[in-house]
Amino acid sequence: MTPRQQQALDAIRAHWRAYSESPTRAELGRALGITAVSAHLLVRGLQRAGRVVVAPRVHRGIDVA
């Protein structure tokens, strides 16, 4: 896992703790200072690595594995 992916995973966990729901890609991007598209790509990498589970076509569908 890359350092940036670790930052994304930490941000997802922090959002879950604070709001009891997953962040949107836009919220994740704002937390990391990147675009929503870049956040989406980070989430896809985390999904491939087995670190998160993403529900297809669900607005807040990121869950930490």
N, C-alpha and C. Protein backbone atom coordinates (compact mmCIF):
# COMPACT_ATOMS: atom_id res chain seq x y z
N MET A 1 0.85 -1.17 0.00
CA MET A 1 0.00 0.00 0.00
C MET A 1 0.90 1.24 0.00
N THR A 2 0.54 2.19 -0.82
CA THR A 2 1.32 3.42 -0.92
C THR A 2 0.99 4.35 0.26
N PRO A 3 1.86 5.30 0.54
CA PRO A 3 1.57 6.26 1.61
C PRO A 3 0.26 7.03 1.36
N ARG A 4 0.00 7.36 0.10
CA ARG A 4 -1.23 8.10 -0.22
C ARG A 4 -2.46 7.23 0.02
N GLN A 5 -2.37 5.94 -0.31
CA GLN A 5 -3.48 5.04 -0.05
C GLN A 5 -3.71 4.91 1.46
N GLN A 6 -2.63 4.90 2.23
CA GLN A 6 -2.77 4.84 3.69
C GLN A 6 -3.46 6.09 4.21
N GLN A 7 -3.12 7.26 3.65
CA GLN A 7 -3.79 8.50 4.04
C GLN A 7 -5.28 8.43 3.72
N ALA A 8 -5.62 7.88 2.56
CA ALA A 8 -7.03 7.76 2.17
C ALA A 8 -7.75 6.81 3.12
N LEU A 9 -7.14 5.69 3.43
CA LEU A 9 -7.75 4.73 4.35
C LEU A 9 -7.95 5.36 5.73
N ASP A 10 -6.98 6.10 6.20
CA ASP A 10 -7.10 6.79 7.48
C ASP A 10 -8.23 7.81 7.44
N ALA A 11 -8.36 8.53 6.32
CA ALA A 11 -9.43 9.53 6.18
C ALA A 11 -10.80 8.86 6.14
N ILE A 12 -10.90 7.71 5.50
CA ILE A 12 -12.17 6.97 5.46
C ILE A 12 -12.54 6.52 6.86
N ARG A 13 -11.57 5.97 7.59
CA ARG A 13 -11.82 5.53 8.97
C ARG A 13 -12.24 6.71 9.86
N ALA A 14 -11.56 7.84 9.71
CA ALA A 14 -11.89 9.03 10.51
C ALA A 14 -13.30 9.52 10.21
N HIS A 15 -13.68 9.48 8.94
CA HIS A 15 -15.04 9.92 8.57
C HIS A 15 -16.07 8.97 9.16
N TRP A 16 -15.80 7.67 9.12
CA TRP A 16 -16.71 6.69 9.74
C TRP A 16 -16.87 6.99 11.23
N ARG A 17 -15.75 7.24 11.93
CA ARG A 17 -15.83 7.52 13.37
C ARG A 17 -16.62 8.79 13.65
N ALA A 18 -16.42 9.81 12.85
CA ALA A 18 -17.06 11.11 13.09
C ALA A 18 -18.54 11.13 12.70
N TYR A 19 -18.89 10.45 11.60
CA TYR A 19 -20.25 10.59 11.06
C TYR A 19 -21.04 9.28 10.96
N SER A 20 -20.44 8.16 11.31
CA SER A 20 -21.09 6.84 11.23
C SER A 20 -21.58 6.51 9.82
N GLU A 21 -20.88 7.02 8.83
CA GLU A 21 -21.15 6.70 7.43
C GLU A 21 -19.88 6.95 6.64
N SER A 22 -19.82 6.35 5.46
CA SER A 22 -18.62 6.52 4.65
C SER A 22 -18.64 7.88 3.95
N PRO A 23 -17.47 8.38 3.60
CA PRO A 23 -17.43 9.65 2.88
C PRO A 23 -17.77 9.44 1.40
N THR A 24 -18.25 10.50 0.78
CA THR A 24 -18.38 10.46 -0.67
C THR A 24 -16.99 10.65 -1.25
N ARG A 25 -16.84 10.42 -2.55
CA ARG A 25 -15.53 10.65 -3.17
C ARG A 25 -15.15 12.12 -3.07
N ALA A 26 -16.12 13.01 -3.18
CA ALA A 26 -15.85 14.45 -3.07
C ALA A 26 -15.37 14.81 -1.67
N GLU A 27 -16.02 14.27 -0.63
CA GLU A 27 -15.60 14.54 0.74
C GLU A 27 -14.21 13.97 1.01
N LEU A 28 -13.95 12.79 0.50
CA LEU A 28 -12.63 12.19 0.66
C LEU A 28 -11.58 13.05 -0.04
N GLY A 29 -11.90 13.52 -1.23
CA GLY A 29 -10.98 14.38 -1.97
C GLY A 29 -10.68 15.66 -1.21
N ARG A 30 -11.71 16.29 -0.64
CA ARG A 30 -11.50 17.53 0.13
C ARG A 30 -10.63 17.25 1.35
N ALA A 31 -10.84 16.11 2.01
CA ALA A 31 -10.05 15.77 3.19
C ALA A 31 -8.58 15.57 2.84
N LEU A 32 -8.32 15.09 1.63
CA LEU A 32 -6.95 14.82 1.21
C LEU A 32 -6.35 15.94 0.35
N GLY A 33 -7.17 16.92 -0.02
CA GLY A 33 -6.68 18.02 -0.85
C GLY A 33 -6.50 17.63 -2.31
N ILE A 34 -7.34 16.71 -2.79
CA ILE A 34 -7.28 16.24 -4.18
C ILE A 34 -8.68 16.30 -4.78
N THR A 35 -8.76 16.02 -6.07
CA THR A 35 -10.06 16.02 -6.74
C THR A 35 -10.84 14.75 -6.40
N ALA A 36 -12.14 14.78 -6.66
CA ALA A 36 -12.98 13.61 -6.44
C ALA A 36 -12.55 12.46 -7.36
N VAL A 37 -12.10 12.78 -8.56
CA VAL A 37 -11.63 11.75 -9.50
C VAL A 37 -10.40 11.06 -8.94
N SER A 38 -9.47 11.82 -8.40
CA SER A 38 -8.27 11.23 -7.80
C SER A 38 -8.64 10.40 -6.58
N ALA A 39 -9.61 10.88 -5.79
CA ALA A 39 -10.07 10.11 -4.64
C ALA A 39 -10.69 8.80 -5.09
N HIS A 40 -11.45 8.84 -6.18
CA HIS A 40 -12.06 7.63 -6.72
C HIS A 40 -10.98 6.62 -7.12
N LEU A 41 -9.92 7.10 -7.75
CA LEU A 41 -8.83 6.21 -8.15
C LEU A 41 -8.13 5.62 -6.93
N LEU A 42 -7.97 6.39 -5.88
CA LEU A 42 -7.38 5.87 -4.65
C LEU A 42 -8.27 4.78 -4.04
N VAL A 43 -9.57 5.02 -4.05
CA VAL A 43 -10.51 4.03 -3.51
C VAL A 43 -10.46 2.75 -4.33
N ARG A 44 -10.37 2.88 -5.64
CA ARG A 44 -10.26 1.69 -6.49
C ARG A 44 -9.00 0.90 -6.16
N GLY A 45 -7.89 1.59 -5.92
CA GLY A 45 -6.66 0.91 -5.54
C GLY A 45 -6.80 0.20 -4.20
N LEU A 46 -7.47 0.84 -3.25
CA LEU A 46 -7.71 0.22 -1.95
C LEU A 46 -8.62 -0.99 -2.09
N GLN A 47 -9.57 -0.88 -3.00
CA GLN A 47 -10.47 -2.01 -3.24
C GLN A 47 -9.71 -3.20 -3.83
N ARG A 48 -8.86 -2.93 -4.80
CA ARG A 48 -8.05 -4.00 -5.40
C ARG A 48 -7.13 -4.64 -4.38
N ALA A 49 -6.64 -3.85 -3.42
CA ALA A 49 -5.74 -4.35 -2.39
C ALA A 49 -6.50 -5.08 -1.27
N GLY A 50 -7.83 -5.03 -1.34
CA GLY A 50 -8.64 -5.72 -0.33
C GLY A 50 -8.79 -4.95 0.96
N ARG A 51 -8.48 -3.66 0.95
CA ARG A 51 -8.56 -2.83 2.17
C ARG A 51 -9.94 -2.23 2.39
N VAL A 52 -10.70 -2.03 1.30
CA VAL A 52 -12.07 -1.53 1.42
C VAL A 52 -12.98 -2.36 0.53
N VAL A 53 -14.26 -2.32 0.88
CA VAL A 53 -15.29 -2.95 0.07
C VAL A 53 -16.17 -1.82 -0.43
N VAL A 54 -16.42 -1.79 -1.74
CA VAL A 54 -17.22 -0.72 -2.32
C VAL A 54 -18.51 -1.32 -2.89
N ALA A 55 -19.64 -0.79 -2.42
CA ALA A 55 -20.94 -1.21 -2.95
C ALA A 55 -21.18 -0.48 -4.26
N PRO A 56 -21.45 -1.23 -5.33
CA PRO A 56 -21.66 -0.58 -6.62
C PRO A 56 -22.91 0.31 -6.62
N ARG A 57 -22.77 1.47 -7.24
CA ARG A 57 -23.86 2.42 -7.42
C ARG A 57 -24.51 2.89 -6.12
N VAL A 58 -23.72 2.92 -5.03
CA VAL A 58 -24.20 3.44 -3.75
C VAL A 58 -23.39 4.69 -3.44
N HIS A 59 -24.09 5.77 -3.16
CA HIS A 59 -23.47 7.08 -2.97
C HIS A 59 -22.39 7.05 -1.88
N ARG A 60 -22.69 6.46 -0.75
CA ARG A 60 -21.74 6.37 0.37
C ARG A 60 -21.43 4.90 0.62
N GLY A 61 -20.92 4.24 -0.39
CA GLY A 61 -20.77 2.80 -0.33
C GLY A 61 -19.37 2.29 -0.07
N ILE A 62 -18.54 3.02 0.68
CA ILE A 62 -17.18 2.58 0.97
C ILE A 62 -17.17 2.03 2.40
N ASP A 63 -16.76 0.80 2.56
CA ASP A 63 -16.67 0.20 3.88
C ASP A 63 -15.27 -0.38 4.08
N VAL A 64 -14.68 -0.15 5.22
CA VAL A 64 -13.35 -0.67 5.51
C VAL A 64 -13.45 -2.18 5.71
N ALA A 65 -12.59 -2.91 5.02
CA ALA A 65 -12.63 -4.38 5.09
C ALA A 65 -12.08 -4.89 6.41
